Amino acid sequence: MYTDATKRQALAEILAAHPATDTTAKCTRIRAALARFALTTFEASRYLDCYDPRARVMQLRHAGDVIRTHWQTVETEGGGKHRVGLYVLEPKGGNHAERH
């Protein structure tokens, strides 16, 4: 299980391994993170430098990944609470009939 600090470190390593700003690199970063743990839109934006992670997740879905979205509330550094998507990558061969 990842703590917040170890997850942020893992996200920093993913960003460093794929530093480009094009959509392919952003999809690669999100896919690499999802292969390891669930990821919120906030984390993808903040720590993976993906301004609109929803669009990148949609691209990954179109490419064949089954990614489910769960909703949760997170608190930002400024103390604001926001409802964000939590993305979970389904393992290959998982239940494709469920909604994303």
C-alpha atoms as a PDB file:
ATOM      1  CA  MET A   1       0.000   0.000   0.000  1.00  0.00           C
ATOM      2  CA  TYR A   2       1.228   3.463  -0.837  1.00  0.00           C
ATOM      3  CA  THR A   3       1.348   6.311   1.647  1.00  0.00           C
ATOM      4  CA  ASP A   4       0.756   9.830   0.336  1.00  0.00           C
ATOM      5  CA  ALA A   5       4.503  10.501   0.384  1.00  0.00           C
ATOM      6  CA  THR A   6       5.467   7.277  -1.410  1.00  0.00           C
ATOM      7  CA  LYS A   7       2.712   7.791  -3.983  1.00  0.00           C
ATOM      8  CA  ARG A   8       3.902  11.348  -4.669  1.00  0.00           C
ATOM      9  CA  GLN A   9       7.447  10.012  -5.036  1.00  0.00           C
ATOM     10  CA  ALA A  10       6.251   7.354  -7.493  1.00  0.00           C
ATOM     11  CA  LEU A  11       4.371  10.017  -9.474  1.00  0.00           C
ATOM     12  CA  ALA A  12       7.494  12.209  -9.557  1.00  0.00           C
ATOM     13  CA  GLU A  13       9.491   9.260 -10.911  1.00  0.00           C
ATOM     14  CA  ILE A  14       6.873   8.630 -13.611  1.00  0.00           C
ATOM     15  CA  LEU A  15       6.936  12.317 -14.601  1.00  0.00           C
ATOM     16  CA  ALA A  16      10.740  12.296 -14.748  1.00  0.00           C
ATOM     17  CA  ALA A  17      10.728   9.157 -16.918  1.00  0.00           C
ATOM     18  CA  HIS A  18       8.258  10.694 -19.417  1.00  0.00           C
ATOM     19  CA  PRO A  19       8.896  14.473 -19.341  1.00  0.00           C
ATOM     20  CA  ALA A  20       7.440  15.537 -22.714  1.00  0.00           C
ATOM     21  CA  THR A  21       4.302  17.673 -22.870  1.00  0.00           C
ATOM     22  CA  ASP A  22       2.563  16.072 -25.860  1.00  0.00           C
ATOM     23  CA  THR A  23      -0.611  14.033 -25.415  1.00  0.00           C
ATOM     24  CA  THR A  24       1.192  10.730 -25.975  1.00  0.00           C
ATOM     25  CA  ALA A  25       3.552  11.419 -23.068  1.00  0.00           C
ATOM     26  CA  LYS A  26       0.662  12.487 -20.845  1.00  0.00           C
ATOM     27  CA  CYS A  27      -1.246   9.299 -21.675  1.00  0.00           C
ATOM     28  CA  THR A  28       1.900   7.287 -20.988  1.00  0.00           C
ATOM     29  CA  ARG A  29       2.310   8.937 -17.572  1.00  0.00           C
ATOM     30  CA  ILE A  30      -1.306   8.334 -16.600  1.00  0.00           C
ATOM     31  CA  ARG A  31      -1.200   4.723 -17.851  1.00  0.00           C
ATOM     32  CA  ALA A  32       2.036   4.086 -15.921  1.00  0.00           C
ATOM     33  CA  ALA A  33       0.492   5.477 -12.745  1.00  0.00           C
ATOM     34  CA  LEU A  34      -2.743   3.510 -13.174  1.00  0.00           C
ATOM     35  CA  ALA A  35      -0.735   0.320 -13.596  1.00  0.00           C
ATOM     36  CA  ARG A  36       0.496   0.859 -10.024  1.00  0.00           C
ATOM     37  CA  PHE A  37      -2.421   2.485  -8.150  1.00  0.00           C
ATOM     38  CA  ALA A  38      -5.695   4.386  -8.410  1.00  0.00           C
ATOM     39  CA  LEU A  39      -5.235   7.994  -9.478  1.00  0.00           C
ATOM     40  CA  THR A  40      -7.376  11.091  -8.967  1.00  0.00           C
ATOM     41  CA  THR A  41      -7.798  13.854 -11.514  1.00  0.00           C
ATOM     42  CA  PHE A  42      -6.190  16.154  -8.934  1.00  0.00           C
ATOM     43  CA  GLU A  43      -3.089  13.917  -8.645  1.00  0.00           C
ATOM     44  CA  ALA A  44      -2.747  13.578 -12.411  1.00  0.00           C
ATOM     45  CA  SER A  45      -2.984  17.325 -12.862  1.00  0.00           C
ATOM     46  CA  ARG A  46      -0.812  18.274  -9.897  1.00  0.00           C
ATOM     47  CA  TYR A  47       1.888  15.586  -9.934  1.00  0.00           C
ATOM     48  CA  LEU A  48       1.904  14.261 -13.517  1.00  0.00           C
ATOM     49  CA  ASP A  49       1.622  17.660 -15.217  1.00  0.00           C
ATOM     50  CA  CYS A  50      -1.549  16.705 -17.113  1.00  0.00           C
ATOM     51  CA  TYR A  51      -3.707  19.807 -17.323  1.00  0.00           C
ATOM     52  CA  ASP A  52      -6.872  17.914 -18.351  1.00  0.00           C
ATOM     53  CA  PRO A  53      -6.482  14.293 -17.259  1.00  0.00           C
ATOM     54  CA  ARG A  54     -10.101  13.515 -18.211  1.00  0.00           C
ATOM     55  CA  ALA A  55      -9.235  13.863 -21.900  1.00  0.00           C
ATOM     56  CA  ARG A  56      -6.169  11.647 -21.558  1.00  0.00           C
ATOM     57  CA  VAL A  57      -8.178   8.980 -19.701  1.00  0.00           C
ATOM     58  CA  MET A  58     -10.735   9.077 -22.515  1.00  0.00           C
ATOM     59  CA  GLN A  59      -7.922   8.498 -25.019  1.00  0.00           C
ATOM     60  CA  LEU A  60      -6.711   5.523 -23.002  1.00  0.00           C
ATOM     61  CA  ARG A  61     -10.251   4.136 -22.937  1.00  0.00           C
ATOM     62  CA  HIS A  62     -10.530   4.531 -26.718  1.00  0.00           C
ATOM     63  CA  ALA A  63      -7.216   2.683 -27.015  1.00  0.00           C
ATOM     64  CA  GLY A  64      -8.721  -0.283 -25.159  1.00  0.00           C
ATOM     65  CA  ASP A  65      -7.972   0.266 -21.477  1.00  0.00           C
ATOM     66  CA  VAL A  66     -10.887  -0.294 -19.133  1.00  0.00           C
ATOM     67  CA  ILE A  67     -10.731   2.515 -16.594  1.00  0.00           C
ATOM     68  CA  ARG A  68     -13.473   2.994 -14.051  1.00  0.00           C
ATOM     69  CA  THR A  69     -14.244   6.317 -12.403  1.00  0.00           C
ATOM     70  CA  HIS A  70     -15.234   6.575  -8.753  1.00  0.00           C
ATOM     71  CA  TRP A  71     -15.990   9.899  -7.097  1.00  0.00           C
ATOM     72  CA  GLN A  72     -14.337  11.256  -3.989  1.00  0.00           C
ATOM     73  CA  THR A  73     -13.769  14.577  -2.265  1.00  0.00           C
ATOM     74  CA  VAL A  74     -10.211  15.830  -1.778  1.00  0.00           C
ATOM     75  CA  GLU A  75      -8.844  18.824   0.039  1.00  0.00           C
ATOM     76  CA  THR A  76      -6.350  21.027  -1.797  1.00  0.00           C
ATOM     77  CA  GLU A  77      -3.333  22.719  -0.262  1.00  0.00           C
ATOM     78  CA  GLY A  78      -5.432  25.879   0.068  1.00  0.00           C
ATOM     79  CA  GLY A  79      -8.035  24.041   2.145  1.00  0.00           C
ATOM     80  CA  GLY A  80     -10.730  23.890  -0.529  1.00  0.00           C
ATOM     81  CA  LYS A  81     -12.716  20.690  -0.938  1.00  0.00           C
ATOM     82  CA  HIS A  82     -13.352  19.436  -4.461  1.00  0.00           C
ATOM     83  CA  ARG A  83     -15.189  16.445  -5.924  1.00  0.00           C
ATOM     84  CA  VAL A  84     -12.776  14.624  -8.207  1.00  0.00           C
ATOM     85  CA  GLY A  85     -12.702  11.439 -10.209  1.00  0.00           C
ATOM     86  CA  LEU A  86     -10.671   8.517  -8.926  1.00  0.00           C
ATOM     87  CA  TYR A  87      -9.527   6.379 -11.850  1.00  0.00           C
ATOM     88  CA  VAL A  88      -8.984   2.652 -11.463  1.00  0.00           C
ATOM     89  CA  LEU A  89      -7.503   0.536 -14.247  1.00  0.00           C
ATOM     90  CA  GLU A  90      -9.246  -2.802 -14.637  1.00  0.00           C
ATOM     91  CA  PRO A  91      -6.920  -5.745 -15.189  1.00  0.00           C
ATOM     92  CA  LYS A  92      -6.890  -7.201 -18.682  1.00  0.00           C
ATOM     93  CA  GLY A  93      -9.734  -9.686 -18.996  1.00  0.00           C
ATOM     94  CA  GLY A  94     -11.761  -7.808 -16.346  1.00  0.00           C
ATOM     95  CA  ASN A  95     -15.483  -7.114 -16.541  1.00  0.00           C
ATOM     96  CA  HIS A  96     -15.892  -4.856 -19.606  1.00  0.00           C
ATOM     97  CA  ALA A  97     -19.677  -4.615 -19.212  1.00  0.00           C
ATOM     98  CA  GLU A  98     -19.534  -2.171 -16.309  1.00  0.00           C
ATOM     99  CA  ARG A  99     -19.805   1.563 -16.849  1.00  0.00           C
ATOM    100  CA  HIS A 100     -16.687   3.701 -16.925  1.00  0.00           C
END
